Amino acid sequence: MRIHIEATDLPGRTCGPDSDFPGVGNVHVGVQRKDRPGELLGLYPGDADSASWTLDCTTLITPDGVEVSGPYVQNRLGGRFVYLSWGSVDRAGDFTMFRRAKLMFADIDPAVLEAAVQSGHLTARLGLTDAKGGPLCARVRPPHVAWSATERTARADHTRQA
């Protein structure tokens, strides 16, 4: 199965200070590889018009539902998920993470996930700016992310793939 993440409404290249955060510049977002916080797929600048990623995954039907795994699928207590990692990129091109958004498979309607297994495509659509105007972080649940089983077209050709 392929997971397509389609993001809009990116927050910009700066993340201002907060009570416990000094703020950062040159903000970028990418999908974090499993257990490798420094290895990212498809780094996009925070002021991009949109961002999209395609992740190749495997699925297993279990008595508890669909189990998704792959190189960009995290597996921790509480379930399986995909991290969208936010960080600043320095002049040398090094990425320093400061926040992450978590897209949990447990938050997907089981019927949608089963239909995605049949179609071979699961799509997540979300905006990446939080209520304060900063990078979206923490657990992102519907309705802030819309999950659907989709049939893919040539439009998927522009996404960054793993």
Protein backbone atom coordinates (compact mmCIF):
# COMPACT_ATOMS: atom_id res chain seq x y z
CA MET A 1 0.00 0.00 0.00
CA ARG A 2 1.12 3.55 -0.62
CA ILE A 3 0.41 6.33 1.82
CA HIS A 4 0.08 9.78 0.29
CA ILE A 5 0.38 12.75 2.61
CA GLU A 6 -0.85 15.98 1.05
CA ALA A 7 -0.22 19.10 3.11
CA THR A 8 -1.20 22.71 2.57
CA ASP A 9 -1.19 25.90 4.64
CA LEU A 10 2.44 25.72 5.71
CA PRO A 11 3.32 28.20 8.50
CA GLY A 12 6.29 30.03 6.99
CA ARG A 13 10.06 29.98 7.45
CA THR A 14 10.08 31.34 11.01
CA CYS A 15 8.64 30.02 14.23
CA GLY A 16 8.42 32.76 16.82
CA PRO A 17 9.33 32.46 20.49
CA ASP A 18 6.98 31.13 23.16
CA SER A 19 7.23 30.97 26.94
CA ASP A 20 9.62 27.98 26.83
CA PHE A 21 10.89 28.21 23.25
CA PRO A 22 13.33 30.78 21.83
CA GLY A 23 12.03 30.60 18.26
CA VAL A 24 13.84 29.47 15.09
CA GLY A 25 14.33 30.44 11.47
CA ASN A 26 14.70 28.62 8.16
CA VAL A 27 11.95 26.17 9.16
CA HIS A 28 11.49 22.99 7.08
CA VAL A 29 9.31 19.87 7.38
CA GLY A 30 9.87 16.26 6.30
CA VAL A 31 8.82 12.72 7.11
CA GLN A 32 11.07 11.04 9.70
CA ARG A 33 12.43 7.58 8.99
CA LYS A 34 11.62 4.94 11.61
CA ASP A 35 13.96 5.23 14.60
CA ARG A 36 16.21 7.73 12.75
CA PRO A 37 15.24 11.30 13.71
CA GLY A 38 17.98 12.77 11.52
CA GLU A 39 16.94 10.91 8.36
CA LEU A 40 14.12 12.71 6.57
CA LEU A 41 12.17 12.19 3.40
CA GLY A 42 11.23 15.14 1.24
CA LEU A 43 12.32 18.20 3.18
CA TYR A 44 10.12 21.19 2.28
CA PRO A 45 10.65 24.81 3.33
CA GLY A 46 8.04 26.15 5.74
CA ASP A 47 6.86 28.71 3.20
CA ALA A 48 6.18 26.22 0.38
CA ASP A 49 2.73 26.39 -1.21
CA SER A 50 2.22 22.72 -0.38
CA ALA A 51 4.11 19.57 0.55
CA SER A 52 3.48 15.95 -0.39
CA TRP A 53 5.07 12.62 0.35
CA THR A 54 4.45 9.07 -0.82
CA LEU A 55 5.42 6.22 1.49
CA ASP A 56 5.58 2.59 0.38
CA CYS A 57 4.20 0.39 3.16
CA THR A 58 3.17 -3.15 3.83
CA THR A 59 -0.07 -4.19 5.47
CA LEU A 60 -1.08 -7.20 7.46
CA ILE A 61 -4.68 -8.07 8.35
CA THR A 62 -4.81 -9.12 12.00
CA PRO A 63 -7.69 -9.93 14.37
CA ASP A 64 -7.31 -6.36 15.68
CA GLY A 65 -7.47 -4.75 12.22
CA VAL A 66 -4.94 -3.58 9.66
CA GLU A 67 -1.30 -3.35 10.74
CA VAL A 68 0.78 -0.93 8.66
CA SER A 69 4.58 -1.04 8.56
CA GLY A 70 7.36 0.39 6.48
CA PRO A 71 10.58 2.40 6.67
CA TYR A 72 8.73 5.61 7.67
CA VAL A 73 6.15 4.03 9.99
CA GLN A 74 6.99 4.42 13.68
CA ASN A 75 5.88 1.67 16.10
CA ARG A 76 5.70 2.74 19.73
CA LEU A 77 3.47 2.09 22.70
CA GLY A 78 0.12 3.47 21.72
CA GLY A 79 0.34 2.38 18.10
CA ARG A 80 1.80 2.95 14.69
CA PHE A 81 2.16 6.38 13.15
CA VAL A 82 4.06 8.68 10.81
CA TYR A 83 6.08 11.63 12.12
CA LEU A 84 6.19 14.93 10.26
CA SER A 85 9.32 16.52 11.73
CA TRP A 86 9.82 20.28 11.92
CA GLY A 87 13.30 21.71 12.14
CA SER A 88 15.57 24.53 11.21
CA VAL A 89 18.18 24.10 8.50
CA ASP A 90 21.52 25.84 9.02
CA ARG A 91 23.91 27.19 6.35
CA ALA A 92 25.64 23.82 6.09
CA GLY A 93 22.29 22.15 5.37
CA ASP A 94 22.04 20.42 8.75
CA PHE A 95 18.53 19.87 10.09
CA THR A 96 17.81 20.41 13.80
CA MET A 97 14.39 19.16 14.84
CA PHE A 98 12.30 21.22 17.25
CA ARG A 99 8.77 19.79 16.85
CA ARG A 100 6.92 16.83 15.35
CA ALA A 101 3.38 16.10 14.24
CA LYS A 102 2.14 12.55 14.72
CA LEU A 103 -0.30 10.97 12.24
CA MET A 104 -1.72 7.93 14.05
CA PHE A 105 -3.14 4.96 12.16
CA ALA A 106 -5.42 4.27 15.16
CA ASP A 107 -7.24 7.53 14.32
CA ILE A 108 -8.26 6.24 10.87
CA ASP A 109 -11.77 4.83 10.54
CA PRO A 110 -11.24 1.04 10.23
CA ALA A 111 -13.48 0.92 7.14
CA VAL A 112 -11.33 3.57 5.44
CA LEU A 113 -8.14 1.67 6.28
CA GLU A 114 -9.59 -1.60 4.97
CA ALA A 115 -10.71 0.14 1.75
CA ALA A 116 -7.19 1.57 1.38
CA VAL A 117 -5.72 -1.90 1.62
CA GLN A 118 -8.03 -2.94 -1.24
CA SER A 119 -7.26 0.10 -3.41
CA GLY A 120 -3.57 0.14 -2.50
CA HIS A 121 -3.67 3.86 -1.61
CA LEU A 122 -4.32 5.73 1.62
CA THR A 123 -4.33 9.53 1.54
CA ALA A 124 -3.98 12.00 4.42
CA ARG A 125 -4.85 15.64 3.73
CA LEU A 126 -4.05 18.29 6.29
CA GLY A 127 -3.04 21.86 6.88
CA LEU A 128 0.29 22.34 8.67
CA THR A 129 -0.33 25.60 10.54
CA ASP A 130 -1.61 25.40 14.12
CA ALA A 131 -4.11 27.75 15.81
CA LYS A 132 -1.27 30.10 16.87
CA GLY A 133 0.14 30.35 13.34
CA GLY A 134 3.08 28.03 14.01
CA PRO A 135 4.04 24.56 12.78
CA LEU A 136 1.38 21.95 13.53
CA CYS A 137 2.65 19.49 16.15
CA ALA A 138 1.60 16.76 18.60
CA ARG A 139 -1.04 14.17 17.71
CA VAL A 140 -3.07 15.29 14.70
CA ARG A 141 -6.58 13.85 14.76
CA PRO A 142 -9.58 14.19 12.48
CA PRO A 143 -10.97 16.65 11.54
CA HIS A 144 -7.49 18.28 11.35
CA VAL A 145 -6.41 15.40 9.12
CA ALA A 146 -8.74 13.78 6.59
CA TRP A 147 -7.94 10.15 5.78
CA SER A 148 -9.35 8.49 2.66
CA ALA A 149 -8.89 5.39 0.54
CA THR A 150 -8.00 6.66 -2.90
CA GLU A 151 -7.25 5.59 -6.42
CA ARG A 152 -4.10 7.37 -7.56
CA THR A 153 -3.66 9.14 -10.86
CA ALA A 154 -0.72 10.77 -12.61
CA ARG A 155 -0.99 13.57 -10.01
CA ALA A 156 1.01 11.39 -7.62
CA ASP A 157 4.05 11.68 -9.87
CA HIS A 158 5.10 14.99 -8.28
CA THR A 159 5.33 13.64 -4.74
CA ARG A 160 8.54 12.66 -3.03
CA GLN A 161 8.71 8.92 -2.54
CA ALA A 162 10.35 6.55 -0.14
